[in-house]
Amino acid sequence: MLKQVIILLSFSLISIFSYGSYIIIPMGEDNQSNHLKAYGIAYWVLQNDIEVDWLLNYDGGS
């Protein structure tokens, strides 16, 4: 029982201190109806002097 608690606490602490370095916002017809949201997020990030990588056709689009 103690081993399970220690493992659970370890994973909890690791997840608290881990941050994602990238976020992918799908803009296909199935995922989003308002494409301006993705542009707004990119604009906000650029205004805060953070680099933005814009992927075109990463999901096999035309």
PDB file of N, CA and C in Angstrom:
ATOM      1  N   MET A   1       0.824  -1.200   0.000  1.00  0.00           N
ATOM      2  CA  MET A   1       0.000   0.000   0.000  1.00  0.00           C
ATOM      3  C   MET A   1       0.867   1.263   0.000  1.00  0.00           C
ATOM      4  N   LEU A   2       1.902   1.249   0.808  1.00  0.00           N
ATOM      5  CA  LEU A   2       2.792   2.405   0.897  1.00  0.00           C
ATOM      6  C   LEU A   2       3.503   2.649  -0.434  1.00  0.00           C
ATOM      7  N   LYS A   3       3.877   1.565  -1.100  1.00  0.00           N
ATOM      8  CA  LYS A   3       4.540   1.690  -2.402  1.00  0.00           C
ATOM      9  C   LYS A   3       3.613   2.359  -3.416  1.00  0.00           C
ATOM     10  N   GLN A   4       2.342   2.012  -3.410  1.00  0.00           N
ATOM     11  CA  GLN A   4       1.372   2.610  -4.333  1.00  0.00           C
ATOM     12  C   GLN A   4       1.180   4.094  -4.040  1.00  0.00           C
ATOM     13  N   VAL A   5       1.157   4.464  -2.782  1.00  0.00           N
ATOM     14  CA  VAL A   5       1.004   5.868  -2.399  1.00  0.00           C
ATOM     15  C   VAL A   5       2.220   6.670  -2.848  1.00  0.00           C
ATOM     16  N   ILE A   6       3.405   6.114  -2.662  1.00  0.00           N
ATOM     17  CA  ILE A   6       4.630   6.805  -3.080  1.00  0.00           C
ATOM     18  C   ILE A   6       4.653   6.984  -4.595  1.00  0.00           C
ATOM     19  N   ILE A   7       4.272   5.969  -5.333  1.00  0.00           N
ATOM     20  CA  ILE A   7       4.228   6.071  -6.800  1.00  0.00           C
ATOM     21  C   ILE A   7       3.208   7.117  -7.226  1.00  0.00           C
ATOM     22  N   LEU A   8       2.048   7.120  -6.608  1.00  0.00           N
ATOM     23  CA  LEU A   8       1.014   8.101  -6.941  1.00  0.00           C
ATOM     24  C   LEU A   8       1.483   9.523  -6.644  1.00  0.00           C
ATOM     25  N   LEU A   9       2.102   9.734  -5.509  1.00  0.00           N
ATOM     26  CA  LEU A   9       2.624  11.061  -5.171  1.00  0.00           C
ATOM     27  C   LEU A   9       3.745  11.482  -6.118  1.00  0.00           C
ATOM     28  N   SER A  10       4.581  10.545  -6.516  1.00  0.00           N
ATOM     29  CA  SER A  10       5.666  10.862  -7.456  1.00  0.00           C
ATOM     30  C   SER A  10       5.108  11.335  -8.787  1.00  0.00           C
ATOM     31  N   PHE A  11       4.133  10.612  -9.326  1.00  0.00           N
ATOM     32  CA  PHE A  11       3.529  11.019 -10.594  1.00  0.00           C
ATOM     33  C   PHE A  11       2.791  12.345 -10.466  1.00  0.00           C
ATOM     34  N   SER A  12       2.178  12.573  -9.324  1.00  0.00           N
ATOM     35  CA  SER A  12       1.482  13.844  -9.112  1.00  0.00           C
ATOM     36  C   SER A  12       2.456  15.010  -9.105  1.00  0.00           C
ATOM     37  N   LEU A  13       3.572  14.862  -8.436  1.00  0.00           N
ATOM     38  CA  LEU A  13       4.566  15.932  -8.391  1.00  0.00           C
ATOM     39  C   LEU A  13       5.213  16.155  -9.750  1.00  0.00           C
ATOM     40  N   ILE A  14       5.456  15.087 -10.483  1.00  0.00           N
ATOM     41  CA  ILE A  14       6.039  15.231 -11.821  1.00  0.00           C
ATOM     42  C   ILE A  14       5.077  15.979 -12.733  1.00  0.00           C
ATOM     43  N   SER A  15       3.807  15.663 -12.664  1.00  0.00           N
ATOM     44  CA  SER A  15       2.842  16.323 -13.549  1.00  0.00           C
ATOM     45  C   SER A  15       2.630  17.791 -13.176  1.00  0.00           C
ATOM     46  N   ILE A  16       2.806  18.136 -11.922  1.00  0.00           N
ATOM     47  CA  ILE A  16       2.662  19.534 -11.503  1.00  0.00           C
ATOM     48  C   ILE A  16       3.774  20.386 -12.101  1.00  0.00           C
ATOM     49  N   PHE A  17       4.985  19.848 -12.155  1.00  0.00           N
ATOM     50  CA  PHE A  17       6.139  20.620 -12.600  1.00  0.00           C
ATOM     51  C   PHE A  17       6.460  20.453 -14.075  1.00  0.00           C
ATOM     52  N   SER A  18       5.671  19.706 -14.809  1.00  0.00           N
ATOM     53  CA  SER A  18       5.942  19.549 -16.240  1.00  0.00           C
ATOM     54  C   SER A  18       5.035  20.493 -17.029  1.00  0.00           C
ATOM     55  N   TYR A  19       5.618  21.143 -18.008  1.00  0.00           N
ATOM     56  CA  TYR A  19       4.897  22.098 -18.830  1.00  0.00           C
ATOM     57  C   TYR A  19       5.039  21.699 -20.294  1.00  0.00           C
ATOM     58  N   GLY A  20       3.998  21.904 -21.069  1.00  0.00           N
ATOM     59  CA  GLY A  20       4.084  21.658 -22.498  1.00  0.00           C
ATOM     60  C   GLY A  20       4.787  22.808 -23.190  1.00  0.00           C
ATOM     61  N   SER A  21       5.605  22.479 -24.156  1.00  0.00           N
ATOM     62  CA  SER A  21       6.334  23.533 -24.854  1.00  0.00           C
ATOM     63  C   SER A  21       5.651  23.925 -26.151  1.00  0.00           C
ATOM     64  N   TYR A  22       4.717  23.129 -26.613  1.00  0.00           N
ATOM     65  CA  TYR A  22       3.993  23.427 -27.849  1.00  0.00           C
ATOM     66  C   TYR A  22       2.509  23.154 -27.645  1.00  0.00           C
ATOM     67  N   ILE A  23       1.700  23.858 -28.386  1.00  0.00           N
ATOM     68  CA  ILE A  23       0.270  23.592 -28.420  1.00  0.00           C
ATOM     69  C   ILE A  23      -0.156  23.591 -29.879  1.00  0.00           C
ATOM     70  N   ILE A  24      -0.910  22.582 -30.266  1.00  0.00           N
ATOM     71  CA  ILE A  24      -1.411  22.487 -31.637  1.00  0.00           C
ATOM     72  C   ILE A  24      -2.906  22.760 -31.596  1.00  0.00           C
ATOM     73  N   ILE A  25      -3.342  23.722 -32.395  1.00  0.00           N
ATOM     74  CA  ILE A  25      -4.755  24.071 -32.479  1.00  0.00           C
ATOM     75  C   ILE A  25      -5.264  23.606 -33.836  1.00  0.00           C
ATOM     76  N   PRO A  26      -5.989  22.493 -33.894  1.00  0.00           N
ATOM     77  CA  PRO A  26      -6.499  22.019 -35.178  1.00  0.00           C
ATOM     78  C   PRO A  26      -7.532  22.994 -35.738  1.00  0.00           C
ATOM     79  N   MET A  27      -7.438  23.257 -37.031  1.00  0.00           N
ATOM     80  CA  MET A  27      -8.342  24.221 -37.652  1.00  0.00           C
ATOM     81  C   MET A  27      -9.175  23.592 -38.761  1.00  0.00           C
ATOM     82  N   GLY A  28      -9.299  22.277 -38.755  1.00  0.00           N
ATOM     83  CA  GLY A  28     -10.095  21.602 -39.764  1.00  0.00           C
ATOM     84  C   GLY A  28     -11.585  21.810 -39.530  1.00  0.00           C
ATOM     85  N   GLU A  29     -12.377  21.426 -40.508  1.00  0.00           N
ATOM     86  CA  GLU A  29     -13.837  21.598 -40.406  1.00  0.00           C
ATOM     87  C   GLU A  29     -14.423  20.786 -39.258  1.00  0.00           C
ATOM     88  N   ASP A  30     -13.811  19.648 -38.959  1.00  0.00           N
ATOM     89  CA  ASP A  30     -14.328  18.789 -37.893  1.00  0.00           C
ATOM     90  C   ASP A  30     -14.000  19.309 -36.502  1.00  0.00           C
ATOM     91  N   ASN A  31     -12.991  20.147 -36.398  1.00  0.00           N
ATOM     92  CA  ASN A  31     -12.491  20.550 -35.084  1.00  0.00           C
ATOM     93  C   ASN A  31     -12.944  21.924 -34.625  1.00  0.00           C
ATOM     94  N   GLN A  32     -13.135  22.852 -35.564  1.00  0.00           N
ATOM     95  CA  GLN A  32     -13.368  24.231 -35.157  1.00  0.00           C
ATOM     96  C   GLN A  32     -14.248  24.935 -36.182  1.00  0.00           C
ATOM     97  N   SER A  33     -15.212  25.677 -35.697  1.00  0.00           N
ATOM     98  CA  SER A  33     -16.078  26.426 -36.612  1.00  0.00           C
ATOM     99  C   SER A  33     -15.669  27.892 -36.708  1.00  0.00           C
ATOM    100  N   ASN A  34     -14.907  28.384 -35.739  1.00  0.00           N
ATOM    101  CA  ASN A  34     -14.481  29.780 -35.731  1.00  0.00           C
ATOM    102  C   ASN A  34     -12.958  29.830 -35.807  1.00  0.00           C
ATOM    103  N   HIS A  35     -12.421  29.972 -37.021  1.00  0.00           N
ATOM    104  CA  HIS A  35     -10.974  29.933 -37.213  1.00  0.00           C
ATOM    105  C   HIS A  35     -10.273  31.168 -36.662  1.00  0.00           C
ATOM    106  N   LEU A  36     -11.012  32.207 -36.350  1.00  0.00           N
ATOM    107  CA  LEU A  36     -10.386  33.415 -35.822  1.00  0.00           C
ATOM    108  C   LEU A  36      -9.791  33.195 -34.437  1.00  0.00           C
ATOM    109  N   LYS A  37     -10.256  32.179 -33.714  1.00  0.00           N
ATOM    110  CA  LYS A  37      -9.710  31.906 -32.384  1.00  0.00           C
ATOM    111  C   LYS A  37      -8.227  31.560 -32.468  1.00  0.00           C
ATOM    112  N   ALA A  38      -7.855  30.721 -33.421  1.00  0.00           N
ATOM    113  CA  ALA A  38      -6.445  30.336 -33.558  1.00  0.00           C
ATOM    114  C   ALA A  38      -5.597  31.538 -33.942  1.00  0.00           C
ATOM    115  N   TYR A  39      -6.091  32.384 -34.824  1.00  0.00           N
ATOM    116  CA  TYR A  39      -5.349  33.587 -35.201  1.00  0.00           C
ATOM    117  C   TYR A  39      -5.232  34.538 -34.008  1.00  0.00           C
ATOM    118  N   GLY A  40      -6.266  34.629 -33.212  1.00  0.00           N
ATOM    119  CA  GLY A  40      -6.237  35.492 -32.033  1.00  0.00           C
ATOM    120  C   GLY A  40      -5.232  35.013 -31.003  1.00  0.00           C
ATOM    121  N   ILE A  41      -5.147  33.705 -30.819  1.00  0.00           N
ATOM    122  CA  ILE A  41      -4.164  33.161 -29.882  1.00  0.00           C
ATOM    123  C   ILE A  41      -2.755  33.427 -30.388  1.00  0.00           C
ATOM    124  N   ALA A  42      -2.520  33.226 -31.680  1.00  0.00           N
ATOM    125  CA  ALA A  42      -1.195  33.491 -32.256  1.00  0.00           C
ATOM    126  C   ALA A  42      -0.847  34.973 -32.131  1.00  0.00           C
ATOM    127  N   TYR A  43      -1.805  35.845 -32.369  1.00  0.00           N
ATOM    128  CA  TYR A  43      -1.566  37.288 -32.250  1.00  0.00           C
ATOM    129  C   TYR A  43      -1.212  37.658 -30.813  1.00  0.00           C
ATOM    130  N   TRP A  44      -1.945  37.101 -29.855  1.00  0.00           N
ATOM    131  CA  TRP A  44      -1.673  37.390 -28.447  1.00  0.00           C
ATOM    132  C   TRP A  44      -0.270  36.932 -28.056  1.00  0.00           C
ATOM    133  N   VAL A  45       0.123  35.744 -28.524  1.00  0.00           N
ATOM    134  CA  VAL A  45       1.451  35.219 -28.215  1.00  0.00           C
ATOM    135  C   VAL A  45       2.526  36.112 -28.816  1.00  0.00           C
ATOM    136  N   LEU A  46       2.340  36.550 -30.058  1.00  0.00           N
ATOM    137  CA  LEU A  46       3.316  37.435 -30.696  1.00  0.00           C
ATOM    138  C   LEU A  46       3.407  38.780 -29.983  1.00  0.00           C
ATOM    139  N   GLN A  47       2.290  39.288 -29.497  1.00  0.00           N
ATOM    140  CA  GLN A  47       2.296  40.550 -28.754  1.00  0.00           C
ATOM    141  C   GLN A  47       3.100  40.441 -27.461  1.00  0.00           C
ATOM    142  N   ASN A  48       3.185  39.228 -26.924  1.00  0.00           N
ATOM    143  CA  ASN A  48       3.944  38.994 -25.693  1.00  0.00           C
ATOM    144  C   ASN A  48       5.376  38.540 -25.978  1.00  0.00           C
ATOM    145  N   ASP A  49       5.854  38.816 -27.191  1.00  0.00           N
ATOM    146  CA  ASP A  49       7.238  38.529 -27.599  1.00  0.00           C
ATOM    147  C   ASP A  49       7.631  37.065 -27.428  1.00  0.00           C
ATOM    148  N   ILE A  50       6.724  36.176 -27.809  1.00  0.00           N
ATOM    149  CA  ILE A  50       6.990  34.740 -27.788  1.00  0.00           C
ATOM    150  C   ILE A  50       6.960  34.251 -29.231  1.00  0.00           C
ATOM    151  N   GLU A  51       7.890  33.376 -29.566  1.00  0.00           N
ATOM    152  CA  GLU A  51       7.982  32.859 -30.932  1.00  0.00           C
ATOM    153  C   GLU A  51       6.802  31.936 -31.238  1.00  0.00           C
ATOM    154  N   VAL A  52       6.263  32.047 -32.456  1.00  0.00           N
ATOM    155  CA  VAL A  52       5.146  31.213 -32.898  1.00  0.00           C
ATOM    156  C   VAL A  52       5.592  30.407 -34.104  1.00  0.00           C
ATOM    157  N   ASP A  53       5.332  29.113 -34.083  1.00  0.00           N
ATOM    158  CA  ASP A  53       5.546  28.256 -35.245  1.00  0.00           C
ATOM    159  C   ASP A  53       4.183  27.950 -35.842  1.00  0.00           C
ATOM    160  N   TRP A  54       3.988  28.310 -37.097  1.00  0.00           N
ATOM    161  CA  TRP A  54       2.703  28.130 -37.771  1.00  0.00           C
ATOM    162  C   TRP A  54       2.850  26.971 -38.741  1.00  0.00           C
ATOM    163  N   LEU A  55       2.150  25.880 -38.500  1.00  0.00           N
ATOM    164  CA  LEU A  55       2.242  24.698 -39.357  1.00  0.00           C
ATOM    165  C   LEU A  55       1.113  24.719 -40.373  1.00  0.00           C
ATOM    166  N   LEU A  56       1.466  24.669 -41.635  1.00  0.00           N
ATOM    167  CA  LEU A  56       0.471  24.616 -42.702  1.00  0.00           C
ATOM    168  C   LEU A  56       0.386  23.191 -43.229  1.00  0.00           C
ATOM    169  N   ASN A  57      -0.816  22.694 -43.323  1.00  0.00           N
ATOM    170  CA  ASN A  57      -1.083  21.360 -43.874  1.00  0.00           C
ATOM    171  C   ASN A  57      -0.331  20.256 -43.134  1.00  0.00           C
ATOM    172  N   TYR A  58      -0.235  20.367 -41.829  1.00  0.00           N
ATOM    173  CA  TYR A  58       0.469  19.338 -41.066  1.00  0.00           C
ATOM    174  C   TYR A  58      -0.331  18.045 -40.995  1.00  0.00           C
ATOM    175  N   ASP A  59      -1.626  18.127 -41.271  1.00  0.00           N
ATOM    176  CA  ASP A  59      -2.496  16.957 -41.165  1.00  0.00           C
ATOM    177  C   ASP A  59      -2.861  16.414 -42.541  1.00  0.00           C
ATOM    178  N   GLY A  60      -2.075  16.729 -43.555  1.00  0.00           N
ATOM    179  CA  GLY A  60      -2.322  16.199 -44.892  1.00  0.00           C
ATOM    180  C   GLY A  60      -3.371  16.964 -45.667  1.00  0.00           C
ATOM    181  N   GLY A  61      -3.535  18.250 -45.397  1.00  0.00           N
ATOM    182  CA  GLY A  61      -4.509  19.066 -46.124  1.00  0.00           C
ATOM    183  C   GLY A  61      -4.041  19.389 -47.528  1.00  0.00           C
ATOM    184  N   SER A  62      -4.861  20.126 -48.254  1.00  0.00           N
ATOM    185  CA  SER A  62      -4.505  20.438 -49.646  1.00  0.00           C
ATOM    186  C   SER A  62      -3.523  21.582 -49.729  1.00  0.00           C
TER     187      SER A  62
END
